[in-house]
Amino acid sequence: MADKKNQSLMQLIRRVHGLVENTDIEKHRQSQNHIGALLGNSKEITYTEVAMEGIHGEWASVNRAHMKKYVILYCHGGGYSTGSCLYGRTLTSKLAATTSMDVLSFDYRLAPEHPYPAALTDAIKVWDYLMLIGYGARDIILVGDSAGGNLALALTLKLKEAGRLLPRGLVLMSPWTDLTSSGESHQTRAEVDPVLSKEYIDRMITAYLGSEKPSEMLSSPYISPLFGDFTGFPPVYIQAGDNEILLSDSVELHKRLLEANVSARLDCFAGMWHVFQMSPFKTAYEAMDKNAEFIYDICR
């Protein structure tokens, strides 16, 4: 019964995703913003726009007494070519509600107009902005989904390389960690994944790298964080769906974090797909509660 129910859910997700995904990048971006406006608006959340060194951002805060000491910096997904603060509300609203913390999301520059390293440069600027307004590195929890998970890891690796203090912890939902696509789930999950396909991922990689960039760049840790040095990393919590082609990106990351003696946990959700936490249903809310538990844990 559960299997049958899950299959119809997967078909629904596939159909909805089919309506959103578009090879015309502008149309794809607009559809995502519509979804964000539809699913992300919550009566209990206040959204406040902010400008940070020319980068547009948005604070999501609950309309009740809440934790001010810590803050969540959220990096949105979208293959580095789509996504925005508005689309990100599908997750920032849930994050703000479950943790009672303020969540800052930002519109980093998107490919193909702005290929690598534009997004990473913008993420560093936003990090510096939080320092400027009085947060310490240890007051910040970095959260990212999909390409945003990639960006959160790349940002942490960059801070580490510069000898700067690192965030208190990272929460990664279906992170895209390996742009060489070497994981076995790219084959084993190709048929069942209702959201991602090889064609789509290849298109995103080409856009992000820019046509002039050599393919050996793919294994650079700032492009494929899976190949980074995680020594000294803060605690990391990863969530992935069992039915996504990027499953290996999470499994391998978890393995490498443990090898580097990092406190890391991976929850793999049976029957779920890429960034299922965005959807308005029970398992998604349960997963967001687990994210909040992890965040409370490391903030104690």
C-alpha atoms as a PDB file:
ATOM      1  CA  MET A   1       0.000   0.000   0.000  1.00  0.00           C
ATOM      2  CA  ALA A   2       2.728   2.449   1.054  1.00  0.00           C
ATOM      3  CA  ASP A   3       4.571   1.667  -2.168  1.00  0.00           C
ATOM      4  CA  LYS A   4       1.521   2.386  -4.295  1.00  0.00           C
ATOM      5  CA  LYS A   5       0.894   5.616  -2.410  1.00  0.00           C
ATOM      6  CA  ASN A   6       4.515   6.616  -2.847  1.00  0.00           C
ATOM      7  CA  GLN A   7       4.411   5.892  -6.581  1.00  0.00           C
ATOM      8  CA  SER A   8       1.429   8.169  -7.107  1.00  0.00           C
ATOM      9  CA  LEU A   9       3.173  10.846  -5.052  1.00  0.00           C
ATOM     10  CA  MET A  10       6.269  10.459  -7.218  1.00  0.00           C
ATOM     11  CA  GLN A  11       4.153  10.766 -10.375  1.00  0.00           C
ATOM     12  CA  LEU A  12       2.588  13.939  -9.009  1.00  0.00           C
ATOM     13  CA  ILE A  13       6.024  15.393  -8.223  1.00  0.00           C
ATOM     14  CA  ARG A  14       7.219  14.454 -11.711  1.00  0.00           C
ATOM     15  CA  ARG A  15       4.231  16.252 -13.264  1.00  0.00           C
ATOM     16  CA  VAL A  16       4.609  19.369 -11.108  1.00  0.00           C
ATOM     17  CA  HIS A  17       8.332  19.481 -11.827  1.00  0.00           C
ATOM     18  CA  GLY A  18       7.614  19.098 -15.545  1.00  0.00           C
ATOM     19  CA  LEU A  19       5.501  22.255 -15.379  1.00  0.00           C
ATOM     20  CA  VAL A  20       8.315  24.194 -13.713  1.00  0.00           C
ATOM     21  CA  GLU A  21      11.375  23.000 -15.599  1.00  0.00           C
ATOM     22  CA  ASN A  22      11.985  24.809 -18.839  1.00  0.00           C
ATOM     23  CA  THR A  23      14.986  24.963 -21.160  1.00  0.00           C
ATOM     24  CA  ASP A  24      14.168  28.670 -21.455  1.00  0.00           C
ATOM     25  CA  ILE A  25      16.039  29.762 -18.312  1.00  0.00           C
ATOM     26  CA  GLU A  26      13.978  32.933 -17.769  1.00  0.00           C
ATOM     27  CA  LYS A  27      10.709  30.975 -17.854  1.00  0.00           C
ATOM     28  CA  HIS A  28      12.173  28.395 -15.458  1.00  0.00           C
ATOM     29  CA  ARG A  29      13.161  31.157 -13.019  1.00  0.00           C
ATOM     30  CA  GLN A  30       9.696  32.748 -13.201  1.00  0.00           C
ATOM     31  CA  SER A  31       7.911  29.413 -12.577  1.00  0.00           C
ATOM     32  CA  GLN A  32      10.073  28.810  -9.508  1.00  0.00           C
ATOM     33  CA  ASN A  33       9.248  32.254  -8.138  1.00  0.00           C
ATOM     34  CA  HIS A  34       5.525  31.511  -8.583  1.00  0.00           C
ATOM     35  CA  ILE A  35       5.969  28.312  -6.561  1.00  0.00           C
ATOM     36  CA  GLY A  36       7.857  30.219  -3.860  1.00  0.00           C
ATOM     37  CA  ALA A  37       5.122  32.844  -3.659  1.00  0.00           C
ATOM     38  CA  LEU A  38       2.470  30.120  -3.520  1.00  0.00           C
ATOM     39  CA  LEU A  39       4.013  27.634  -1.075  1.00  0.00           C
ATOM     40  CA  GLY A  40       6.329  29.927   0.837  1.00  0.00           C
ATOM     41  CA  ASN A  41       4.026  32.614   2.137  1.00  0.00           C
ATOM     42  CA  SER A  42       3.159  32.083   5.746  1.00  0.00           C
ATOM     43  CA  LYS A  43       1.063  34.251   8.045  1.00  0.00           C
ATOM     44  CA  GLU A  44       3.437  33.580  10.919  1.00  0.00           C
ATOM     45  CA  ILE A  45       6.516  34.803   9.037  1.00  0.00           C
ATOM     46  CA  THR A  46       7.639  38.352   8.282  1.00  0.00           C
ATOM     47  CA  TYR A  47       9.848  38.839   5.222  1.00  0.00           C
ATOM     48  CA  THR A  48      12.178  41.850   5.249  1.00  0.00           C
ATOM     49  CA  GLU A  49      14.282  42.857   2.249  1.00  0.00           C
ATOM     50  CA  VAL A  50      17.908  43.806   2.748  1.00  0.00           C
ATOM     51  CA  ALA A  51      20.689  45.062   0.443  1.00  0.00           C
ATOM     52  CA  MET A  52      24.203  43.785   1.133  1.00  0.00           C
ATOM     53  CA  GLU A  53      26.956  45.291  -0.997  1.00  0.00           C
ATOM     54  CA  GLY A  54      24.718  45.280  -4.048  1.00  0.00           C
ATOM     55  CA  ILE A  55      23.334  41.802  -3.286  1.00  0.00           C
ATOM     56  CA  HIS A  56      19.597  41.511  -2.648  1.00  0.00           C
ATOM     57  CA  GLY A  57      18.644  39.470   0.395  1.00  0.00           C
ATOM     58  CA  GLU A  58      15.658  38.677   2.560  1.00  0.00           C
ATOM     59  CA  TRP A  59      15.209  37.987   6.254  1.00  0.00           C
ATOM     60  CA  ALA A  60      12.497  35.494   7.242  1.00  0.00           C
ATOM     61  CA  SER A  61      11.467  35.875  10.894  1.00  0.00           C
ATOM     62  CA  VAL A  62       8.666  34.422  13.009  1.00  0.00           C
ATOM     63  CA  ASN A  63       6.162  36.907  14.446  1.00  0.00           C
ATOM     64  CA  ARG A  64       6.769  35.865  18.029  1.00  0.00           C
ATOM     65  CA  ALA A  65       9.483  36.035  20.662  1.00  0.00           C
ATOM     66  CA  HIS A  66      12.439  34.195  19.254  1.00  0.00           C
ATOM     67  CA  MET A  67      16.115  33.386  19.467  1.00  0.00           C
ATOM     68  CA  LYS A  68      18.267  36.374  18.479  1.00  0.00           C
ATOM     69  CA  LYS A  69      21.718  35.081  19.388  1.00  0.00           C
ATOM     70  CA  TYR A  70      21.993  32.636  16.486  1.00  0.00           C
ATOM     71  CA  VAL A  71      21.134  33.158  12.859  1.00  0.00           C
ATOM     72  CA  ILE A  72      20.666  30.866   9.859  1.00  0.00           C
ATOM     73  CA  LEU A  73      22.350  31.769   6.575  1.00  0.00           C
ATOM     74  CA  TYR A  74      20.506  29.945   3.820  1.00  0.00           C
ATOM     75  CA  CYS A  75      21.882  29.252   0.324  1.00  0.00           C
ATOM     76  CA  HIS A  76      19.146  28.439  -2.207  1.00  0.00           C
ATOM     77  CA  GLY A  77      19.340  25.677  -4.802  1.00  0.00           C
ATOM     78  CA  GLY A  78      18.559  25.708  -8.536  1.00  0.00           C
ATOM     79  CA  GLY A  79      21.656  24.266 -10.218  1.00  0.00           C
ATOM     80  CA  TYR A  80      23.419  27.662  -9.922  1.00  0.00           C
ATOM     81  CA  SER A  81      21.252  28.841 -12.849  1.00  0.00           C
ATOM     82  CA  THR A  82      17.867  29.400 -11.199  1.00  0.00           C
ATOM     83  CA  GLY A  83      16.409  30.035  -7.747  1.00  0.00           C
ATOM     84  CA  SER A  84      15.971  33.146  -5.607  1.00  0.00           C
ATOM     85  CA  CYS A  85      14.997  34.348  -2.134  1.00  0.00           C
ATOM     86  CA  LEU A  86      11.376  34.119  -3.233  1.00  0.00           C
ATOM     87  CA  TYR A  87      11.702  30.505  -4.418  1.00  0.00           C
ATOM     88  CA  GLY A  88      13.722  29.796  -1.263  1.00  0.00           C
ATOM     89  CA  ARG A  89      10.722  30.711   0.912  1.00  0.00           C
ATOM     90  CA  THR A  90       9.501  27.127   0.449  1.00  0.00           C
ATOM     91  CA  LEU A  91      12.333  26.290   2.882  1.00  0.00           C
ATOM     92  CA  THR A  92      13.210  29.537   4.716  1.00  0.00           C
ATOM     93  CA  SER A  93       9.633  29.806   6.043  1.00  0.00           C
ATOM     94  CA  LYS A  94       9.828  26.279   7.464  1.00  0.00           C
ATOM     95  CA  LEU A  95      13.313  26.902   8.867  1.00  0.00           C
ATOM     96  CA  ALA A  96      12.251  30.106  10.617  1.00  0.00           C
ATOM     97  CA  ALA A  97       9.087  28.445  11.973  1.00  0.00           C
ATOM     98  CA  THR A  98      10.730  25.246  13.276  1.00  0.00           C
ATOM     99  CA  THR A  99      13.851  26.851  14.776  1.00  0.00           C
ATOM    100  CA  SER A 100      12.423  30.253  15.850  1.00  0.00           C
ATOM    101  CA  MET A 101      15.612  31.789  14.453  1.00  0.00           C
ATOM    102  CA  ASP A 102      16.003  34.528  11.860  1.00  0.00           C
ATOM    103  CA  VAL A 103      16.903  33.178   8.419  1.00  0.00           C
ATOM    104  CA  LEU A 104      18.828  35.232   5.871  1.00  0.00           C
ATOM    105  CA  SER A 105      18.655  34.182   2.213  1.00  0.00           C
ATOM    106  CA  PHE A 106      20.316  36.005  -0.686  1.00  0.00           C
ATOM    107  CA  ASP A 107      20.172  36.279  -4.467  1.00  0.00           C
ATOM    108  CA  TYR A 108      23.650  35.323  -5.605  1.00  0.00           C
ATOM    109  CA  ARG A 109      24.427  35.949  -9.284  1.00  0.00           C
ATOM    110  CA  LEU A 110      23.271  33.117 -11.531  1.00  0.00           C
ATOM    111  CA  ALA A 111      24.821  31.233 -14.460  1.00  0.00           C
ATOM    112  CA  PRO A 112      25.081  31.254 -17.444  1.00  0.00           C
ATOM    113  CA  GLU A 113      25.193  35.094 -17.234  1.00  0.00           C
ATOM    114  CA  HIS A 114      27.520  34.848 -14.234  1.00  0.00           C
ATOM    115  CA  PRO A 115      29.443  31.560 -14.191  1.00  0.00           C
ATOM    116  CA  TYR A 116      31.742  30.306 -11.413  1.00  0.00           C
ATOM    117  CA  PRO A 117      33.059  31.901  -9.161  1.00  0.00           C
ATOM    118  CA  ALA A 118      30.320  34.602  -9.054  1.00  0.00           C
ATOM    119  CA  ALA A 119      28.038  32.729  -6.613  1.00  0.00           C
ATOM    120  CA  LEU A 120      30.906  31.960  -4.237  1.00  0.00           C
ATOM    121  CA  THR A 121      32.162  35.562  -4.358  1.00  0.00           C
ATOM    122  CA  ASP A 122      28.648  36.733  -3.437  1.00  0.00           C
ATOM    123  CA  ALA A 123      28.353  34.195  -0.605  1.00  0.00           C
ATOM    124  CA  ILE A 124      31.591  35.510   0.930  1.00  0.00           C
ATOM    125  CA  LYS A 125      30.229  39.089   0.721  1.00  0.00           C
ATOM    126  CA  VAL A 126      27.049  38.049   2.542  1.00  0.00           C
ATOM    127  CA  TRP A 127      29.119  36.227   5.191  1.00  0.00           C
ATOM    128  CA  ASP A 128      31.153  39.415   5.679  1.00  0.00           C
ATOM    129  CA  TYR A 129      27.924  41.416   5.930  1.00  0.00           C
ATOM    130  CA  LEU A 130      26.796  39.230   8.854  1.00  0.00           C
ATOM    131  CA  MET A 131      30.166  39.839  10.547  1.00  0.00           C
ATOM    132  CA  LEU A 132      29.727  43.570   9.949  1.00  0.00           C
ATOM    133  CA  ILE A 133      26.309  43.709  11.632  1.00  0.00           C
ATOM    134  CA  GLY A 134      27.675  41.981  14.712  1.00  0.00           C
ATOM    135  CA  TYR A 135      27.357  38.225  14.314  1.00  0.00           C
ATOM    136  CA  GLY A 136      30.325  36.003  15.044  1.00  0.00           C
ATOM    137  CA  ALA A 137      31.115  33.005  12.840  1.00  0.00           C
ATOM    138  CA  ARG A 138      30.022  30.699  15.674  1.00  0.00           C
ATOM    139  CA  ASP A 139      26.596  32.377  15.773  1.00  0.00           C
ATOM    140  CA  ILE A 140      25.837  31.302  12.205  1.00  0.00           C
ATOM    141  CA  ILE A 141      24.357  28.017  11.004  1.00  0.00           C
ATOM    142  CA  LEU A 142      24.838  27.518   7.268  1.00  0.00           C
ATOM    143  CA  VAL A 143      21.964  25.779   5.480  1.00  0.00           C
ATOM    144  CA  GLY A 144      21.741  24.882   1.800  1.00  0.00           C
ATOM    145  CA  ASP A 145      19.776  22.653  -0.539  1.00  0.00           C
ATOM    146  CA  SER A 146      21.028  21.144  -3.812  1.00  0.00           C
ATOM    147  CA  ALA A 147      23.415  23.693  -5.429  1.00  0.00           C
ATOM    148  CA  GLY A 148      22.957  25.732  -2.244  1.00  0.00           C
ATOM    149  CA  GLY A 149      24.421  22.789  -0.326  1.00  0.00           C
ATOM    150  CA  ASN A 150      27.371  22.927  -2.708  1.00  0.00           C
ATOM    151  CA  LEU A 151      27.690  26.674  -2.051  1.00  0.00           C
ATOM    152  CA  ALA A 152      27.510  26.265   1.751  1.00  0.00           C
ATOM    153  CA  LEU A 153      30.347  23.711   1.613  1.00  0.00           C
ATOM    154  CA  ALA A 154      32.424  25.794  -0.831  1.00  0.00           C
ATOM    155  CA  LEU A 155      31.994  28.863   1.393  1.00  0.00           C
ATOM    156  CA  THR A 156      33.147  26.923   4.466  1.00  0.00           C
ATOM    157  CA  LEU A 157      36.168  25.566   2.549  1.00  0.00           C
ATOM    158  CA  LYS A 158      37.004  29.138   1.425  1.00  0.00           C
ATOM    159  CA  LEU A 159      36.773  30.481   4.992  1.00  0.00           C
ATOM    160  CA  LYS A 160      38.970  27.625   6.171  1.00  0.00           C
ATOM    161  CA  GLU A 161      41.548  28.315   3.448  1.00  0.00           C
ATOM    162  CA  ALA A 162      41.664  31.975   4.528  1.00  0.00           C
ATOM    163  CA  GLY A 163      42.267  30.889   8.136  1.00  0.00           C
ATOM    164  CA  ARG A 164      38.955  32.408   9.265  1.00  0.00           C
ATOM    165  CA  LEU A 165      36.546  31.108  11.875  1.00  0.00           C
ATOM    166  CA  LEU A 166      33.992  28.605  10.574  1.00  0.00           C
ATOM    167  CA  PRO A 167      30.206  28.508  11.090  1.00  0.00           C
ATOM    168  CA  ARG A 168      28.729  26.677  14.076  1.00  0.00           C
ATOM    169  CA  GLY A 169      27.392  23.911  11.824  1.00  0.00           C
ATOM    170  CA  LEU A 170      25.990  23.012   8.410  1.00  0.00           C
ATOM    171  CA  VAL A 171      22.622  21.573   7.407  1.00  0.00           C
ATOM    172  CA  LEU A 172      22.545  20.204   3.855  1.00  0.00           C
ATOM    173  CA  MET A 173      19.433  18.993   2.036  1.00  0.00           C
ATOM    174  CA  SER A 174      20.182  16.872  -1.056  1.00  0.00           C
ATOM    175  CA  PRO A 175      23.513  18.656  -1.546  1.00  0.00           C
ATOM    176  CA  TRP A 176      25.074  18.620  -5.015  1.00  0.00           C
ATOM    177  CA  THR A 177      28.662  17.887  -4.029  1.00  0.00           C
ATOM    178  CA  ASP A 178      30.220  16.195  -7.055  1.00  0.00           C
ATOM    179  CA  LEU A 179      30.041  17.894 -10.464  1.00  0.00           C
ATOM    180  CA  THR A 180      32.090  15.055 -11.979  1.00  0.00           C
ATOM    181  CA  SER A 181      28.888  12.969 -11.505  1.00  0.00           C
ATOM    182  CA  SER A 182      30.977   9.968 -10.448  1.00  0.00           C
ATOM    183  CA  GLY A 183      28.495   8.554  -7.903  1.00  0.00           C
ATOM    184  CA  GLU A 184      26.763   5.240  -8.645  1.00  0.00           C
ATOM    185  CA  SER A 185      23.288   6.661  -7.942  1.00  0.00           C
ATOM    186  CA  HIS A 186      23.568   8.604 -11.229  1.00  0.00           C
ATOM    187  CA  GLN A 187      23.000   5.191 -12.833  1.00  0.00           C
ATOM    188  CA  THR A 188      21.039   3.285 -10.188  1.00  0.00           C
ATOM    189  CA  ARG A 189      18.457   6.059  -9.565  1.00  0.00           C
ATOM    190  CA  ALA A 190      18.201   7.437 -13.131  1.00  0.00           C
ATOM    191  CA  GLU A 191      14.842   5.707 -13.779  1.00  0.00           C
ATOM    192  CA  VAL A 192      13.122   6.539 -10.489  1.00  0.00           C
ATOM    193  CA  ASP A 193      14.190  10.148  -9.863  1.00  0.00           C
ATOM    194  CA  PRO A 194      11.084  12.304 -10.554  1.00  0.00           C
ATOM    195  CA  VAL A 195      12.956  15.616 -10.406  1.00  0.00           C
ATOM    196  CA  LEU A 196      16.469  15.372 -11.855  1.00  0.00           C
ATOM    197  CA  SER A 197      17.871  13.907 -15.055  1.00  0.00           C
ATOM    198  CA  LYS A 198      21.375  13.543 -16.500  1.00  0.00           C
ATOM    199  CA  GLU A 199      20.510  16.028 -19.275  1.00  0.00           C
ATOM    200  CA  TYR A 200      19.406  18.656 -16.754  1.00  0.00           C
ATOM    201  CA  ILE A 201      22.510  18.215 -14.573  1.00  0.00           C
ATOM    202  CA  ASP A 202      24.837  18.365 -17.587  1.00  0.00           C
ATOM    203  CA  ARG A 203      23.120  21.556 -18.735  1.00  0.00           C
ATOM    204  CA  MET A 204      23.594  23.142 -15.306  1.00  0.00           C
ATOM    205  CA  ILE A 205      27.283  22.136 -15.204  1.00  0.00           C
ATOM    206  CA  THR A 206      27.944  23.680 -18.633  1.00  0.00           C
ATOM    207  CA  ALA A 207      26.179  26.901 -17.609  1.00  0.00           C
ATOM    208  CA  TYR A 208      28.024  27.125 -14.284  1.00  0.00           C
ATOM    209  CA  LEU A 209      31.493  26.429 -15.674  1.00  0.00           C
ATOM    210  CA  GLY A 210      31.059  28.547 -18.777  1.00  0.00           C
ATOM    211  CA  SER A 211      32.002  27.119 -22.161  1.00  0.00           C
ATOM    212  CA  GLU A 212      35.602  28.340 -21.941  1.00  0.00           C
ATOM    213  CA  LYS A 213      36.444  26.515 -18.717  1.00  0.00           C
ATOM    214  CA  PRO A 214      38.365  23.211 -18.886  1.00  0.00           C
ATOM    215  CA  SER A 215      36.577  20.121 -17.563  1.00  0.00           C
ATOM    216  CA  GLU A 216      39.450  19.328 -15.150  1.00  0.00           C
ATOM    217  CA  MET A 217      38.081  22.261 -13.111  1.00  0.00           C
ATOM    218  CA  LEU A 218      35.178  19.976 -12.199  1.00  0.00           C
ATOM    219  CA  SER A 219      37.168  18.302  -9.454  1.00  0.00           C
ATOM    220  CA  SER A 220      38.236  21.600  -7.839  1.00  0.00           C
ATOM    221  CA  PRO A 221      36.928  21.551  -4.226  1.00  0.00           C
ATOM    222  CA  TYR A 222      35.231  24.935  -4.742  1.00  0.00           C
ATOM    223  CA  ILE A 223      33.212  23.445  -7.628  1.00  0.00           C
ATOM    224  CA  SER A 224      32.905  19.879  -6.314  1.00  0.00           C
ATOM    225  CA  PRO A 225      33.242  20.246  -2.523  1.00  0.00           C
ATOM    226  CA  LEU A 226      33.259  16.446  -2.205  1.00  0.00           C
ATOM    227  CA  PHE A 227      36.973  16.636  -3.051  1.00  0.00           C
ATOM    228  CA  GLY A 228      37.745  19.222  -0.366  1.00  0.00           C
ATOM    229  CA  ASP A 229      39.752  18.807   2.838  1.00  0.00           C
ATOM    230  CA  PHE A 230      37.240  18.681   5.690  1.00  0.00           C
ATOM    231  CA  THR A 231      39.726  18.609   8.556  1.00  0.00           C
ATOM    232  CA  GLY A 232      38.502  20.916  11.315  1.00  0.00           C
ATOM    233  CA  PHE A 233      34.993  21.289   9.872  1.00  0.00           C
ATOM    234  CA  PRO A 234      32.084  22.030  12.243  1.00  0.00           C
ATOM    235  CA  PRO A 235      29.262  19.450  12.711  1.00  0.00           C
ATOM    236  CA  VAL A 236      27.327  18.610   9.527  1.00  0.00           C
ATOM    237  CA  TYR A 237      23.832  17.163   9.162  1.00  0.00           C
ATOM    238  CA  ILE A 238      22.809  15.834   5.725  1.00  0.00           C
ATOM    239  CA  GLN A 239      19.394  14.771   4.441  1.00  0.00           C
ATOM    240  CA  ALA A 240      18.799  12.990   1.133  1.00  0.00           C
ATOM    241  CA  GLY A 241      15.988  11.162  -0.627  1.00  0.00           C
ATOM    242  CA  ASP A 242      16.456   7.499  -1.446  1.00  0.00           C
ATOM    243  CA  ASN A 243      15.096   8.043  -4.969  1.00  0.00           C
ATOM    244  CA  GLU A 244      17.387  10.826  -6.177  1.00  0.00           C
ATOM    245  CA  ILE A 245      20.255  10.530  -8.612  1.00  0.00           C
ATOM    246  CA  LEU A 246      22.315  12.758  -6.315  1.00  0.00           C
ATOM    247  CA  LEU A 247      22.047  10.253  -3.446  1.00  0.00           C
ATOM    248  CA  SER A 248      25.737   9.302  -3.831  1.00  0.00           C
ATOM    249  CA  ASP A 249      26.681  12.981  -3.485  1.00  0.00           C
ATOM    250  CA  SER A 250      25.348  12.812   0.087  1.00  0.00           C
ATOM    251  CA  VAL A 251      26.550   9.286   0.924  1.00  0.00           C
ATOM    252  CA  GLU A 252      30.117   9.975  -0.261  1.00  0.00           C
ATOM    253  CA  LEU A 253      30.222  13.362   1.472  1.00  0.00           C
ATOM    254  CA  HIS A 254      29.137  11.756   4.745  1.00  0.00           C
ATOM    255  CA  LYS A 255      31.857   9.117   4.364  1.00  0.00           C
ATOM    256  CA  ARG A 256      34.569  11.707   3.709  1.00  0.00           C
ATOM    257  CA  LEU A 257      33.477  13.898   6.612  1.00  0.00           C
ATOM    258  CA  LEU A 258      33.722  10.921   8.977  1.00  0.00           C
ATOM    259  CA  GLU A 259      37.158  10.059   7.577  1.00  0.00           C
ATOM    260  CA  ALA A 260      38.231  13.621   8.450  1.00  0.00           C
ATOM    261  CA  ASN A 261      36.910  13.089  12.021  1.00  0.00           C
ATOM    262  CA  VAL A 262      34.065  15.562  11.546  1.00  0.00           C
ATOM    263  CA  SER A 263      30.873  15.050  13.540  1.00  0.00           C
ATOM    264  CA  ALA A 264      28.534  14.196  10.649  1.00  0.00           C
ATOM    265  CA  ARG A 265      25.137  12.536  10.309  1.00  0.00           C
ATOM    266  CA  LEU A 266      23.215  11.441   7.225  1.00  0.00           C
ATOM    267  CA  ASP A 267      19.485  10.697   7.170  1.00  0.00           C
ATOM    268  CA  CYS A 268      18.300   8.997   4.024  1.00  0.00           C
ATOM    269  CA  PHE A 269      14.509   9.142   3.576  1.00  0.00           C
ATOM    270  CA  ALA A 270      12.922   6.112   1.932  1.00  0.00           C
ATOM    271  CA  GLY A 271      10.835   6.807  -1.174  1.00  0.00           C
ATOM    272  CA  MET A 272      11.787  10.503  -1.175  1.00  0.00           C
ATOM    273  CA  TRP A 273      13.244  12.635  -3.971  1.00  0.00           C
ATOM    274  CA  HIS A 274      15.540  15.626  -4.424  1.00  0.00           C
ATOM    275  CA  VAL A 275      14.821  18.365  -1.833  1.00  0.00           C
ATOM    276  CA  PHE A 276      11.484  16.803  -0.870  1.00  0.00           C
ATOM    277  CA  GLN A 277      11.484  19.131   2.178  1.00  0.00           C
ATOM    278  CA  MET A 278       9.978  21.859  -0.024  1.00  0.00           C
ATOM    279  CA  SER A 279       6.745  19.933  -0.499  1.00  0.00           C
ATOM    280  CA  PRO A 280       3.807  20.591   1.851  1.00  0.00           C
ATOM    281  CA  PHE A 281       3.365  17.122   3.376  1.00  0.00           C
ATOM    282  CA  LYS A 282       4.106  15.100   6.517  1.00  0.00           C
ATOM    283  CA  THR A 283       7.552  13.633   5.745  1.00  0.00           C
ATOM    284  CA  ALA A 284       8.785  17.069   4.669  1.00  0.00           C
ATOM    285  CA  TYR A 285       7.689  18.610   7.979  1.00  0.00           C
ATOM    286  CA  GLU A 286       9.254  15.732   9.924  1.00  0.00           C
ATOM    287  CA  ALA A 287      12.530  16.271   8.071  1.00  0.00           C
ATOM    288  CA  MET A 288      12.433  20.001   8.882  1.00  0.00           C
ATOM    289  CA  ASP A 289      11.852  19.149  12.547  1.00  0.00           C
ATOM    290  CA  LYS A 290      14.984  16.982  12.441  1.00  0.00           C
ATOM    291  CA  ASN A 291      16.911  19.903  10.962  1.00  0.00           C
ATOM    292  CA  ALA A 292      15.706  22.058  13.867  1.00  0.00           C
ATOM    293  CA  GLU A 293      16.700  19.381  16.419  1.00  0.00           C
ATOM    294  CA  PHE A 294      20.209  19.266  14.978  1.00  0.00           C
ATOM    295  CA  ILE A 295      20.451  23.074  15.080  1.00  0.00           C
ATOM    296  CA  TYR A 296      19.250  23.190  18.729  1.00  0.00           C
ATOM    297  CA  ASP A 297      21.728  20.480  19.578  1.00  0.00           C
ATOM    298  CA  ILE A 298      24.764  22.340  18.268  1.00  0.00           C
ATOM    299  CA  CYS A 299      23.575  25.658  19.764  1.00  0.00           C
ATOM    300  CA  ARG A 300      23.320  24.318  23.275  1.00  0.00           C
END
